[in-house]
C-alpha cells in the first residue's frame, strides 16, 4: 500500500500543541465552528492550534465577517473517514458548557487514498459520517467537506508513487463532491491545499503544511465558508 512507503519516508512530526478550543475577538454572538479530521485538522506541522487550520480559519472568518468565531478541534493524525466517524464525533460538543457547532468542517480523506479505499466505499463512508453527525447533534447543522489537497507538488515520494497517488486523491475528492450533492446542507469546498507558487508552505516533513501553509490554505477555505455562514443582521 502507498501508506507504508509514506510512513517510511516522512519525518514524524507531532500534532499541534495547546488548547483544542479557542475564540477570536469580534461581534457577538460568535459563530461556532467544529473541525474534525486527520493530521491536517490536528495541525501536524504547526506549533499549536492557533497557528494550525482551526485557529487560522477562525481568524480569517472574523476578518471577513467581523464576527467572533468559537472553534474546537477533534482530530488525529492518520485518521480515515471511518476513524473520524467512529472516534471523533463526541468532540463535536461540550456537555459542560453546552457548546454546539453552527457548522462542522471535515478535513479527511488523504489517508483513505493512501490505503486505496475503493471510491464507492469511500463515498458511502462520507454519507455515513454526515448521518452520524446529524444523529449526534439532533439537527441539520451544515456539514462541509474540505476538498482533498493536490499532491502533485509533494516531493517526498518518487514520481512513480506520487503521480498515481495524486490521481487517486482526485478520484476520491470527486466522491466527496458526489456525497455532498446527496444530502441537505452538505457542502464540498475545493481548496487545493497550500499554494503552488514559491514559498515556505511545507513543514519539515515536506508533506504537511507549515504555519504559513496553514494560513494560506485556511484563507481559501474561510472565504468559501463565509458565504455559507452569513446570516441576516
C-alpha atoms as a PDB file:
ATOM      1  CA  UNK A   1       0.000   0.000   0.000  1.00  0.00           C
ATOM      2  CA  UNK A   2       1.050   3.613  -0.545  1.00  0.00           C
ATOM      3  CA  UNK A   3       0.767   4.386   3.153  1.00  0.00           C
ATOM      4  CA  UNK A   4       3.627   2.041   4.032  1.00  0.00           C
ATOM      5  CA  UNK A   5       6.003   3.904   1.750  1.00  0.00           C
ATOM      6  CA  UNK A   6       4.801   7.231   3.096  1.00  0.00           C
ATOM      7  CA  UNK A   7       5.492   6.253   6.697  1.00  0.00           C
ATOM      8  CA  UNK A   8       8.956   5.066   5.833  1.00  0.00           C
ATOM      9  CA  UNK A   9       9.874   8.350   4.125  1.00  0.00           C
ATOM     10  CA  UNK A  10       8.118  11.008   6.200  1.00  0.00           C
ATOM     11  CA  UNK A  11       9.698  12.733   9.156  1.00  0.00           C
ATOM     12  CA  UNK A  12       7.404  12.130  12.123  1.00  0.00           C
ATOM     13  CA  UNK A  13       6.047  15.466  13.326  1.00  0.00           C
ATOM     14  CA  UNK A  14       3.767  15.919  16.344  1.00  0.00           C
ATOM     15  CA  UNK A  15       0.219  17.187  16.253  1.00  0.00           C
ATOM     16  CA  UNK A  16      -0.328  20.828  17.177  1.00  0.00           C
ATOM     17  CA  UNK A  17       0.068  21.528  20.878  1.00  0.00           C
ATOM     18  CA  UNK A  18      -2.041  23.744  23.115  1.00  0.00           C
ATOM     19  CA  UNK A  19      -5.763  24.014  23.687  1.00  0.00           C
ATOM     20  CA  UNK A  20      -8.071  22.424  21.127  1.00  0.00           C
ATOM     21  CA  UNK A  21     -10.567  25.271  21.577  1.00  0.00           C
ATOM     22  CA  UNK A  22     -10.374  29.000  21.051  1.00  0.00           C
ATOM     23  CA  UNK A  23     -12.289  32.229  20.482  1.00  0.00           C
ATOM     24  CA  UNK A  24     -11.497  35.172  18.227  1.00  0.00           C
ATOM     25  CA  UNK A  25     -12.467  38.752  19.012  1.00  0.00           C
ATOM     26  CA  UNK A  26     -15.421  40.019  17.048  1.00  0.00           C
ATOM     27  CA  UNK A  27     -19.113  40.739  17.021  1.00  0.00           C
ATOM     28  CA  UNK A  28     -21.362  38.573  19.172  1.00  0.00           C
ATOM     29  CA  UNK A  29     -22.863  36.040  19.056  1.00  0.00           C
ATOM     30  CA  UNK A  30     -19.887  34.007  17.895  1.00  0.00           C
ATOM     31  CA  UNK A  31     -20.037  31.561  15.039  1.00  0.00           C
ATOM     32  CA  UNK A  32     -19.338  28.111  16.497  1.00  0.00           C
ATOM     33  CA  UNK A  33     -17.044  26.058  14.242  1.00  0.00           C
ATOM     34  CA  UNK A  34     -16.159  22.397  14.846  1.00  0.00           C
ATOM     35  CA  UNK A  35     -13.227  20.925  12.913  1.00  0.00           C
ATOM     36  CA  UNK A  36     -12.843  17.143  12.730  1.00  0.00           C
ATOM     37  CA  UNK A  37     -10.455  15.035  10.702  1.00  0.00           C
ATOM     38  CA  UNK A  38      -6.938  13.785  10.115  1.00  0.00           C
ATOM     39  CA  UNK A  39      -3.400  15.120  10.606  1.00  0.00           C
ATOM     40  CA  UNK A  40      -4.153  18.373   8.794  1.00  0.00           C
ATOM     41  CA  UNK A  41      -7.092  19.053  11.107  1.00  0.00           C
ATOM     42  CA  UNK A  42      -4.836  18.003  14.010  1.00  0.00           C
ATOM     43  CA  UNK A  43      -2.320  20.658  12.968  1.00  0.00           C
ATOM     44  CA  UNK A  44       0.702  18.480  12.215  1.00  0.00           C
ATOM     45  CA  UNK A  45       3.423  20.897  11.066  1.00  0.00           C
ATOM     46  CA  UNK A  46       2.269  23.803  13.269  1.00  0.00           C
ATOM     47  CA  UNK A  47       3.329  24.622  16.812  1.00  0.00           C
ATOM     48  CA  UNK A  48      -0.205  24.974  18.192  1.00  0.00           C
ATOM     49  CA  UNK A  49      -3.806  25.040  17.028  1.00  0.00           C
ATOM     50  CA  UNK A  50      -3.861  28.825  16.739  1.00  0.00           C
ATOM     51  CA  UNK A  51      -1.200  28.518  14.019  1.00  0.00           C
ATOM     52  CA  UNK A  52      -2.888  25.464  12.500  1.00  0.00           C
ATOM     53  CA  UNK A  53      -6.054  25.111  10.465  1.00  0.00           C
ATOM     54  CA  UNK A  54      -8.661  25.716  13.178  1.00  0.00           C
ATOM     55  CA  UNK A  55      -7.147  28.919  14.513  1.00  0.00           C
ATOM     56  CA  UNK A  56      -6.253  30.241  11.078  1.00  0.00           C
ATOM     57  CA  UNK A  57      -9.725  29.622   9.633  1.00  0.00           C
ATOM     58  CA  UNK A  58     -11.300  31.290  12.673  1.00  0.00           C
ATOM     59  CA  UNK A  59      -9.121  34.385  12.321  1.00  0.00           C
ATOM     60  CA  UNK A  60      -9.776  34.573   8.592  1.00  0.00           C
ATOM     61  CA  UNK A  61     -13.542  34.229   9.102  1.00  0.00           C
ATOM     62  CA  UNK A  62     -13.511  37.008  11.661  1.00  0.00           C
ATOM     63  CA  UNK A  63     -11.537  39.184   9.274  1.00  0.00           C
ATOM     64  CA  UNK A  64     -14.063  38.554   6.510  1.00  0.00           C
ATOM     65  CA  UNK A  65     -17.275  38.826   8.522  1.00  0.00           C
ATOM     66  CA  UNK A  66     -16.353  40.835  11.626  1.00  0.00           C
ATOM     67  CA  UNK A  67     -17.945  38.098  13.697  1.00  0.00           C
ATOM     68  CA  UNK A  68     -16.290  36.305  16.609  1.00  0.00           C
ATOM     69  CA  UNK A  69     -15.569  32.623  15.984  1.00  0.00           C
ATOM     70  CA  UNK A  70     -15.601  29.996  18.716  1.00  0.00           C
ATOM     71  CA  UNK A  71     -13.759  26.911  17.492  1.00  0.00           C
ATOM     72  CA  UNK A  72     -12.905  23.426  18.671  1.00  0.00           C
ATOM     73  CA  UNK A  73     -10.918  20.543  17.149  1.00  0.00           C
ATOM     74  CA  UNK A  74     -11.310  16.762  17.332  1.00  0.00           C
ATOM     75  CA  UNK A  75      -8.717  15.165  15.080  1.00  0.00           C
ATOM     76  CA  UNK A  76      -5.966  12.565  14.935  1.00  0.00           C
ATOM     77  CA  UNK A  77      -3.024  12.017  12.621  1.00  0.00           C
ATOM     78  CA  UNK A  78      -3.541   9.048  10.310  1.00  0.00           C
ATOM     79  CA  UNK A  79      -7.330   9.072  10.630  1.00  0.00           C
ATOM     80  CA  UNK A  80      -9.501   7.869   7.756  1.00  0.00           C
ATOM     81  CA  UNK A  81     -13.114   8.929   7.289  1.00  0.00           C
ATOM     82  CA  UNK A  82     -14.191   5.786   9.134  1.00  0.00           C
ATOM     83  CA  UNK A  83     -11.887   6.593  12.054  1.00  0.00           C
ATOM     84  CA  UNK A  84     -13.296  10.110  12.231  1.00  0.00           C
ATOM     85  CA  UNK A  85     -16.849   8.767  12.298  1.00  0.00           C
ATOM     86  CA  UNK A  86     -16.128   6.122  14.925  1.00  0.00           C
ATOM     87  CA  UNK A  87     -13.909   8.078  17.272  1.00  0.00           C
ATOM     88  CA  UNK A  88     -14.192  11.846  16.975  1.00  0.00           C
ATOM     89  CA  UNK A  89     -17.855  12.772  16.991  1.00  0.00           C
ATOM     90  CA  UNK A  90     -18.010  13.151  20.792  1.00  0.00           C
ATOM     91  CA  UNK A  91     -15.643  16.097  20.311  1.00  0.00           C
ATOM     92  CA  UNK A  92     -18.303  17.977  18.372  1.00  0.00           C
ATOM     93  CA  UNK A  93     -19.973  19.157  21.573  1.00  0.00           C
ATOM     94  CA  UNK A  94     -19.116  20.109  25.142  1.00  0.00           C
ATOM     95  CA  UNK A  95     -21.784  18.934  27.607  1.00  0.00           C
ATOM     96  CA  UNK A  96     -20.349  21.100  30.395  1.00  0.00           C
ATOM     97  CA  UNK A  97     -20.593  24.427  28.556  1.00  0.00           C
ATOM     98  CA  UNK A  98     -23.393  23.178  26.272  1.00  0.00           C
ATOM     99  CA  UNK A  99     -21.309  24.230  23.290  1.00  0.00           C
ATOM    100  CA  UNK A 100     -22.704  23.004  19.972  1.00  0.00           C
ATOM    101  CA  UNK A 101     -21.456  23.851  16.491  1.00  0.00           C
ATOM    102  CA  UNK A 102     -23.167  26.041  13.937  1.00  0.00           C
ATOM    103  CA  UNK A 103     -21.105  24.373  11.217  1.00  0.00           C
ATOM    104  CA  UNK A 104     -18.932  21.236  11.047  1.00  0.00           C
ATOM    105  CA  UNK A 105     -15.844  21.211   8.821  1.00  0.00           C
ATOM    106  CA  UNK A 106     -14.446  17.791   7.876  1.00  0.00           C
ATOM    107  CA  UNK A 107     -10.816  17.606   6.757  1.00  0.00           C
ATOM    108  CA  UNK A 108     -10.062  13.978   5.913  1.00  0.00           C
ATOM    109  CA  UNK A 109      -9.679  11.571   3.013  1.00  0.00           C
ATOM    110  CA  UNK A 110      -6.000  11.609   2.092  1.00  0.00           C
ATOM    111  CA  UNK A 111      -5.344   8.604   4.335  1.00  0.00           C
ATOM    112  CA  UNK A 112      -8.170   6.740   2.595  1.00  0.00           C
ATOM    113  CA  UNK A 113      -6.414   7.407  -0.724  1.00  0.00           C
ATOM    114  CA  UNK A 114      -3.112   6.106   0.627  1.00  0.00           C
ATOM    115  CA  UNK A 115      -4.909   2.959   1.731  1.00  0.00           C
ATOM    116  CA  UNK A 116      -6.533   2.647  -1.713  1.00  0.00           C
ATOM    117  CA  UNK A 117     -10.049   2.798  -0.312  1.00  0.00           C
ATOM    118  CA  UNK A 118     -12.486   1.940  -3.088  1.00  0.00           C
ATOM    119  CA  UNK A 119     -14.256   5.045  -4.392  1.00  0.00           C
ATOM    120  CA  UNK A 120     -17.851   3.911  -3.800  1.00  0.00           C
ATOM    121  CA  UNK A 121     -16.995   2.642  -0.332  1.00  0.00           C
ATOM    122  CA  UNK A 122     -15.350   5.983   0.384  1.00  0.00           C
ATOM    123  CA  UNK A 123     -18.450   7.875  -0.749  1.00  0.00           C
ATOM    124  CA  UNK A 124     -20.685   5.693   1.413  1.00  0.00           C
ATOM    125  CA  UNK A 125     -18.433   6.353   4.397  1.00  0.00           C
ATOM    126  CA  UNK A 126     -18.738  10.103   3.787  1.00  0.00           C
ATOM    127  CA  UNK A 127     -22.526   9.739   3.719  1.00  0.00           C
ATOM    128  CA  UNK A 128     -22.457   7.707   6.957  1.00  0.00           C
ATOM    129  CA  UNK A 129     -20.349  10.411   8.572  1.00  0.00           C
ATOM    130  CA  UNK A 130     -22.917  13.068   7.694  1.00  0.00           C
ATOM    131  CA  UNK A 131     -25.690  10.823   9.010  1.00  0.00           C
ATOM    132  CA  UNK A 132     -23.928  10.206  12.325  1.00  0.00           C
ATOM    133  CA  UNK A 133     -23.067  13.891  12.771  1.00  0.00           C
ATOM    134  CA  UNK A 134     -26.742  14.728  12.373  1.00  0.00           C
ATOM    135  CA  UNK A 135     -27.775  11.962  14.772  1.00  0.00           C
ATOM    136  CA  UNK A 136     -25.393  13.279  17.410  1.00  0.00           C
ATOM    137  CA  UNK A 137     -26.346  16.914  17.005  1.00  0.00           C
ATOM    138  CA  UNK A 138     -30.043  16.251  16.502  1.00  0.00           C
ATOM    139  CA  UNK A 139     -30.435  18.889  13.808  1.00  0.00           C
ATOM    140  CA  UNK A 140     -29.369  19.707  10.268  1.00  0.00           C
ATOM    141  CA  UNK A 141     -26.196  21.607  11.112  1.00  0.00           C
ATOM    142  CA  UNK A 142     -24.285  22.311   7.873  1.00  0.00           C
ATOM    143  CA  UNK A 143     -21.524  19.784   7.194  1.00  0.00           C
ATOM    144  CA  UNK A 144     -18.670  20.956   4.981  1.00  0.00           C
ATOM    145  CA  UNK A 145     -16.078  18.677   3.400  1.00  0.00           C
ATOM    146  CA  UNK A 146     -12.806  20.419   2.642  1.00  0.00           C
ATOM    147  CA  UNK A 147     -11.642  19.378  -0.809  1.00  0.00           C
ATOM    148  CA  UNK A 148      -8.705  16.981  -0.761  1.00  0.00           C
ATOM    149  CA  UNK A 149      -5.340  18.662  -1.377  1.00  0.00           C
ATOM    150  CA  UNK A 150      -3.358  18.440  -4.596  1.00  0.00           C
ATOM    151  CA  UNK A 151      -0.357  16.159  -4.120  1.00  0.00           C
ATOM    152  CA  UNK A 152       1.342  16.865  -7.444  1.00  0.00           C
ATOM    153  CA  UNK A 153       3.927  19.167  -5.896  1.00  0.00           C
ATOM    154  CA  UNK A 154       4.761  16.979  -2.882  1.00  0.00           C
ATOM    155  CA  UNK A 155       8.319  15.804  -3.480  1.00  0.00           C
ATOM    156  CA  UNK A 156       8.529  13.431  -0.507  1.00  0.00           C
ATOM    157  CA  UNK A 157       7.787  10.437  -2.725  1.00  0.00           C
ATOM    158  CA  UNK A 158       9.270   9.500  -6.076  1.00  0.00           C
ATOM    159  CA  UNK A 159       7.179  10.249  -9.156  1.00  0.00           C
ATOM    160  CA  UNK A 160       6.285   6.576  -9.647  1.00  0.00           C
ATOM    161  CA  UNK A 161       4.308   6.744  -6.381  1.00  0.00           C
ATOM    162  CA  UNK A 162       3.381  10.416  -6.230  1.00  0.00           C
ATOM    163  CA  UNK A 163       1.703  10.582  -9.642  1.00  0.00           C
ATOM    164  CA  UNK A 164      -0.759   7.688  -9.201  1.00  0.00           C
ATOM    165  CA  UNK A 165      -1.460   8.738  -5.611  1.00  0.00           C
ATOM    166  CA  UNK A 166      -2.291  12.284  -6.720  1.00  0.00           C
ATOM    167  CA  UNK A 167      -4.638  10.880  -9.348  1.00  0.00           C
ATOM    168  CA  UNK A 168      -6.323   8.649  -6.786  1.00  0.00           C
ATOM    169  CA  UNK A 169      -6.806  11.579  -4.422  1.00  0.00           C
ATOM    170  CA  UNK A 170      -8.699  13.344  -7.217  1.00  0.00           C
ATOM    171  CA  UNK A 171     -10.899  10.277  -7.706  1.00  0.00           C
ATOM    172  CA  UNK A 172     -11.840  10.262  -4.019  1.00  0.00           C
ATOM    173  CA  UNK A 173     -12.347  14.011  -3.980  1.00  0.00           C
ATOM    174  CA  UNK A 174     -14.922  13.555  -6.733  1.00  0.00           C
ATOM    175  CA  UNK A 175     -16.701  11.092  -4.439  1.00  0.00           C
ATOM    176  CA  UNK A 176     -16.799  13.742  -1.698  1.00  0.00           C
ATOM    177  CA  UNK A 177     -18.433  16.108  -4.173  1.00  0.00           C
ATOM    178  CA  UNK A 178     -20.993  13.432  -5.034  1.00  0.00           C
ATOM    179  CA  UNK A 179     -21.736  12.771  -1.355  1.00  0.00           C
ATOM    180  CA  UNK A 180     -22.279  16.491  -0.827  1.00  0.00           C
ATOM    181  CA  UNK A 181     -24.893  16.635  -3.584  1.00  0.00           C
ATOM    182  CA  UNK A 182     -26.895  13.852  -1.928  1.00  0.00           C
ATOM    183  CA  UNK A 183     -27.518  15.496   1.418  1.00  0.00           C
ATOM    184  CA  UNK A 184     -29.302  18.601   2.657  1.00  0.00           C
ATOM    185  CA  UNK A 185     -26.940  21.322   3.911  1.00  0.00           C
ATOM    186  CA  UNK A 186     -23.867  19.303   2.915  1.00  0.00           C
ATOM    187  CA  UNK A 187     -21.129  21.100   1.007  1.00  0.00           C
ATOM    188  CA  UNK A 188     -17.819  20.415  -0.703  1.00  0.00           C
ATOM    189  CA  UNK A 189     -15.297  23.255  -0.796  1.00  0.00           C
ATOM    190  CA  UNK A 190     -12.444  22.833  -3.294  1.00  0.00           C
ATOM    191  CA  UNK A 191      -9.286  24.058  -1.601  1.00  0.00           C
ATOM    192  CA  UNK A 192      -6.219  22.563  -3.253  1.00  0.00           C
ATOM    193  CA  UNK A 193      -4.008  22.729  -0.177  1.00  0.00           C
ATOM    194  CA  UNK A 194      -1.039  25.089   0.235  1.00  0.00           C
ATOM    195  CA  UNK A 195      -0.274  27.439  -2.683  1.00  0.00           C
ATOM    196  CA  UNK A 196       1.669  26.258  -5.708  1.00  0.00           C
ATOM    197  CA  UNK A 197       3.738  29.416  -6.133  1.00  0.00           C
ATOM    198  CA  UNK A 198       7.159  29.576  -4.393  1.00  0.00           C
ATOM    199  CA  UNK A 199       7.088  29.968  -0.647  1.00  0.00           C
ATOM    200  CA  UNK A 200       7.767  28.209   2.645  1.00  0.00           C
ATOM    201  CA  UNK A 201       4.439  26.379   2.618  1.00  0.00           C
ATOM    202  CA  UNK A 202       5.533  22.965   3.937  1.00  0.00           C
ATOM    203  CA  UNK A 203       6.716  21.708   7.314  1.00  0.00           C
ATOM    204  CA  UNK A 204       9.941  19.785   7.897  1.00  0.00           C
ATOM    205  CA  UNK A 205       8.407  16.540   6.617  1.00  0.00           C
ATOM    206  CA  UNK A 206       7.718  18.260   3.238  1.00  0.00           C
ATOM    207  CA  UNK A 207       4.195  16.825   3.309  1.00  0.00           C
ATOM    208  CA  UNK A 208       2.147  18.691   5.924  1.00  0.00           C
ATOM    209  CA  UNK A 209       1.665  22.460   5.802  1.00  0.00           C
ATOM    210  CA  UNK A 210       3.852  24.842   7.764  1.00  0.00           C
ATOM    211  CA  UNK A 211       2.238  27.645   9.765  1.00  0.00           C
ATOM    212  CA  UNK A 212       2.395  29.804   6.611  1.00  0.00           C
ATOM    213  CA  UNK A 213       0.907  26.955   4.597  1.00  0.00           C
ATOM    214  CA  UNK A 214      -1.987  26.599   7.026  1.00  0.00           C
ATOM    215  CA  UNK A 215      -2.590  30.355   6.923  1.00  0.00           C
ATOM    216  CA  UNK A 216      -2.741  30.451   3.115  1.00  0.00           C
ATOM    217  CA  UNK A 217      -4.869  27.305   2.825  1.00  0.00           C
ATOM    218  CA  UNK A 218      -7.223  28.445   5.590  1.00  0.00           C
ATOM    219  CA  UNK A 219      -7.864  31.784   3.907  1.00  0.00           C
ATOM    220  CA  UNK A 220      -9.162  29.954   0.833  1.00  0.00           C
ATOM    221  CA  UNK A 221     -11.451  27.783   2.948  1.00  0.00           C
ATOM    222  CA  UNK A 222     -12.599  30.710   5.077  1.00  0.00           C
ATOM    223  CA  UNK A 223     -13.578  32.770   2.042  1.00  0.00           C
ATOM    224  CA  UNK A 224     -15.863  29.958   0.942  1.00  0.00           C
ATOM    225  CA  UNK A 225     -17.116  29.176   4.432  1.00  0.00           C
ATOM    226  CA  UNK A 226     -18.061  32.821   4.946  1.00  0.00           C
ATOM    227  CA  UNK A 227     -20.673  32.601   2.205  1.00  0.00           C
ATOM    228  CA  UNK A 228     -22.225  29.564   3.896  1.00  0.00           C
ATOM    229  CA  UNK A 229     -22.353  31.034   7.384  1.00  0.00           C
ATOM    230  CA  UNK A 230     -23.723  34.503   6.672  1.00  0.00           C
ATOM    231  CA  UNK A 231     -26.956  35.238   8.497  1.00  0.00           C
ATOM    232  CA  UNK A 232     -29.291  38.233   8.394  1.00  0.00           C
ATOM    233  CA  UNK A 233     -28.402  41.019  10.812  1.00  0.00           C
END
